[in-house]
């Protein structure tokens, strides 16, 4: 069994929330026999909720990428640790 994780696709998340929310608004409207003006408040609420979820996912994703990028550069040797500049350049290029 493969236990690797994949990052969440933010557009897929947002559109999934929009379609699910639209279906729920329609289902609630049908179950309560509400006409369109009474059920219409649900559609903007779904769009606002999906937009907020997308913004939160975007911020979380950018923070994770920044942490991962910062972790990569922690392992790079500093040029002042070497006496010869060519040796430092070789080590820096190997760590990329």
C-alpha atoms as a PDB file:
ATOM      1  CA  UNK A   1       0.000   0.000   0.000  1.00  0.00           C
ATOM      2  CA  UNK A   2       1.362   3.418  -0.970  1.00  0.00           C
ATOM      3  CA  UNK A   3       1.143   5.858   1.944  1.00  0.00           C
ATOM      4  CA  UNK A   4       2.569   8.907   0.187  1.00  0.00           C
ATOM      5  CA  UNK A   5       0.481  12.046   0.382  1.00  0.00           C
ATOM      6  CA  UNK A   6      -0.282  14.427  -2.417  1.00  0.00           C
ATOM      7  CA  UNK A   7      -0.870  18.135  -1.970  1.00  0.00           C
ATOM      8  CA  UNK A   8      -4.454  19.318  -2.155  1.00  0.00           C
ATOM      9  CA  UNK A   9      -5.387  20.964  -5.436  1.00  0.00           C
ATOM     10  CA  UNK A  10      -6.971  24.238  -4.361  1.00  0.00           C
ATOM     11  CA  UNK A  11      -9.096  24.771  -7.520  1.00  0.00           C
ATOM     12  CA  UNK A  12     -10.470  21.235  -7.189  1.00  0.00           C
ATOM     13  CA  UNK A  13     -11.276  21.890  -3.530  1.00  0.00           C
ATOM     14  CA  UNK A  14     -13.090  25.162  -4.280  1.00  0.00           C
ATOM     15  CA  UNK A  15     -15.127  23.812  -7.184  1.00  0.00           C
ATOM     16  CA  UNK A  16     -16.019  20.701  -5.194  1.00  0.00           C
ATOM     17  CA  UNK A  17     -17.301  22.902  -2.383  1.00  0.00           C
ATOM     18  CA  UNK A  18     -19.279  25.051  -4.834  1.00  0.00           C
ATOM     19  CA  UNK A  19     -20.989  22.077  -6.481  1.00  0.00           C
ATOM     20  CA  UNK A  20     -21.649  20.332  -3.158  1.00  0.00           C
ATOM     21  CA  UNK A  21     -23.013  23.530  -1.618  1.00  0.00           C
ATOM     22  CA  UNK A  22     -25.211  24.205  -4.641  1.00  0.00           C
ATOM     23  CA  UNK A  23     -26.598  20.696  -4.440  1.00  0.00           C
ATOM     24  CA  UNK A  24     -27.285  21.127  -0.720  1.00  0.00           C
ATOM     25  CA  UNK A  25     -29.090  24.447  -1.273  1.00  0.00           C
ATOM     26  CA  UNK A  26     -31.203  22.836  -3.988  1.00  0.00           C
ATOM     27  CA  UNK A  27     -31.905  19.801  -1.766  1.00  0.00           C
ATOM     28  CA  UNK A  28     -32.946  21.961   1.189  1.00  0.00           C
ATOM     29  CA  UNK A  29     -35.144  24.056  -1.105  1.00  0.00           C
ATOM     30  CA  UNK A  30     -36.863  20.945  -2.461  1.00  0.00           C
ATOM     31  CA  UNK A  31     -37.287  19.402   0.994  1.00  0.00           C
ATOM     32  CA  UNK A  32     -38.893  22.523   2.456  1.00  0.00           C
ATOM     33  CA  UNK A  33     -40.807  23.574  -0.687  1.00  0.00           C
ATOM     34  CA  UNK A  34     -39.071  26.944  -0.574  1.00  0.00           C
ATOM     35  CA  UNK A  35     -39.360  29.007  -3.717  1.00  0.00           C
ATOM     36  CA  UNK A  36     -36.333  30.647  -5.326  1.00  0.00           C
ATOM     37  CA  UNK A  37     -36.391  34.029  -3.526  1.00  0.00           C
ATOM     38  CA  UNK A  38     -36.345  32.306  -0.131  1.00  0.00           C
ATOM     39  CA  UNK A  39     -33.642  29.821  -1.096  1.00  0.00           C
ATOM     40  CA  UNK A  40     -31.578  32.397  -3.012  1.00  0.00           C
ATOM     41  CA  UNK A  41     -29.608  33.471   0.061  1.00  0.00           C
ATOM     42  CA  UNK A  42     -27.938  30.051   0.129  1.00  0.00           C
ATOM     43  CA  UNK A  43     -26.130  30.449  -3.185  1.00  0.00           C
ATOM     44  CA  UNK A  44     -24.079  33.540  -2.234  1.00  0.00           C
ATOM     45  CA  UNK A  45     -23.329  31.920   1.135  1.00  0.00           C
ATOM     46  CA  UNK A  46     -21.955  28.867  -0.683  1.00  0.00           C
ATOM     47  CA  UNK A  47     -19.762  31.028  -2.917  1.00  0.00           C
ATOM     48  CA  UNK A  48     -18.447  33.051   0.022  1.00  0.00           C
ATOM     49  CA  UNK A  49     -17.731  29.885   2.013  1.00  0.00           C
ATOM     50  CA  UNK A  50     -15.911  28.251  -0.899  1.00  0.00           C
ATOM     51  CA  UNK A  51     -13.891  31.423  -1.447  1.00  0.00           C
ATOM     52  CA  UNK A  52     -12.870  31.550   2.209  1.00  0.00           C
ATOM     53  CA  UNK A  53     -11.892  27.871   2.118  1.00  0.00           C
ATOM     54  CA  UNK A  54      -9.781  28.572  -0.980  1.00  0.00           C
ATOM     55  CA  UNK A  55      -8.041  31.514   0.697  1.00  0.00           C
ATOM     56  CA  UNK A  56      -7.283  29.490   3.811  1.00  0.00           C
ATOM     57  CA  UNK A  57      -5.941  26.599   1.720  1.00  0.00           C
ATOM     58  CA  UNK A  58      -3.781  29.001  -0.318  1.00  0.00           C
ATOM     59  CA  UNK A  59      -2.252  30.565   2.800  1.00  0.00           C
ATOM     60  CA  UNK A  60      -1.601  27.161   4.376  1.00  0.00           C
ATOM     61  CA  UNK A  61      -0.054  25.878   1.134  1.00  0.00           C
ATOM     62  CA  UNK A  62       2.264  28.880   0.794  1.00  0.00           C
ATOM     63  CA  UNK A  63       3.419  28.521   4.418  1.00  0.00           C
ATOM     64  CA  UNK A  64       4.199  24.833   3.870  1.00  0.00           C
ATOM     65  CA  UNK A  65       6.174  25.643   0.720  1.00  0.00           C
ATOM     66  CA  UNK A  66       8.140  28.348   2.546  1.00  0.00           C
ATOM     67  CA  UNK A  67       8.997  25.940   5.369  1.00  0.00           C
ATOM     68  CA  UNK A  68      10.104  23.285   2.895  1.00  0.00           C
ATOM     69  CA  UNK A  69      12.253  25.788   0.999  1.00  0.00           C
ATOM     70  CA  UNK A  70      13.816  27.061   4.225  1.00  0.00           C
ATOM     71  CA  UNK A  71      14.648  23.486   5.233  1.00  0.00           C
ATOM     72  CA  UNK A  72      16.490  22.915   1.951  1.00  0.00           C
ATOM     73  CA  UNK A  73      18.814  25.845   2.448  1.00  0.00           C
ATOM     74  CA  UNK A  74      19.701  24.951   6.043  1.00  0.00           C
ATOM     75  CA  UNK A  75      21.927  22.140   4.755  1.00  0.00           C
ATOM     76  CA  UNK A  76      23.962  24.276   2.352  1.00  0.00           C
ATOM     77  CA  UNK A  77      27.548  24.942   3.423  1.00  0.00           C
ATOM     78  CA  UNK A  78      28.609  28.546   3.855  1.00  0.00           C
ATOM     79  CA  UNK A  79      31.481  29.842   1.666  1.00  0.00           C
ATOM     80  CA  UNK A  80      33.396  31.259   4.661  1.00  0.00           C
ATOM     81  CA  UNK A  81      33.741  27.706   6.026  1.00  0.00           C
ATOM     82  CA  UNK A  82      36.323  26.966   3.307  1.00  0.00           C
ATOM     83  CA  UNK A  83      39.789  28.316   2.563  1.00  0.00           C
ATOM     84  CA  UNK A  84      39.607  27.781  -1.191  1.00  0.00           C
ATOM     85  CA  UNK A  85      36.730  29.385  -3.134  1.00  0.00           C
ATOM     86  CA  UNK A  86      36.649  26.612  -5.741  1.00  0.00           C
ATOM     87  CA  UNK A  87      36.069  23.994  -3.059  1.00  0.00           C
ATOM     88  CA  UNK A  88      33.181  26.033  -1.593  1.00  0.00           C
ATOM     89  CA  UNK A  89      31.596  26.468  -5.009  1.00  0.00           C
ATOM     90  CA  UNK A  90      31.828  22.730  -5.678  1.00  0.00           C
ATOM     91  CA  UNK A  91      30.177  21.859  -2.365  1.00  0.00           C
ATOM     92  CA  UNK A  92      27.424  24.477  -2.861  1.00  0.00           C
ATOM     93  CA  UNK A  93      26.641  23.150  -6.340  1.00  0.00           C
ATOM     94  CA  UNK A  94      26.494  19.562  -5.031  1.00  0.00           C
ATOM     95  CA  UNK A  95      23.945  20.560  -2.364  1.00  0.00           C
ATOM     96  CA  UNK A  96      21.508  22.123  -4.841  1.00  0.00           C
END
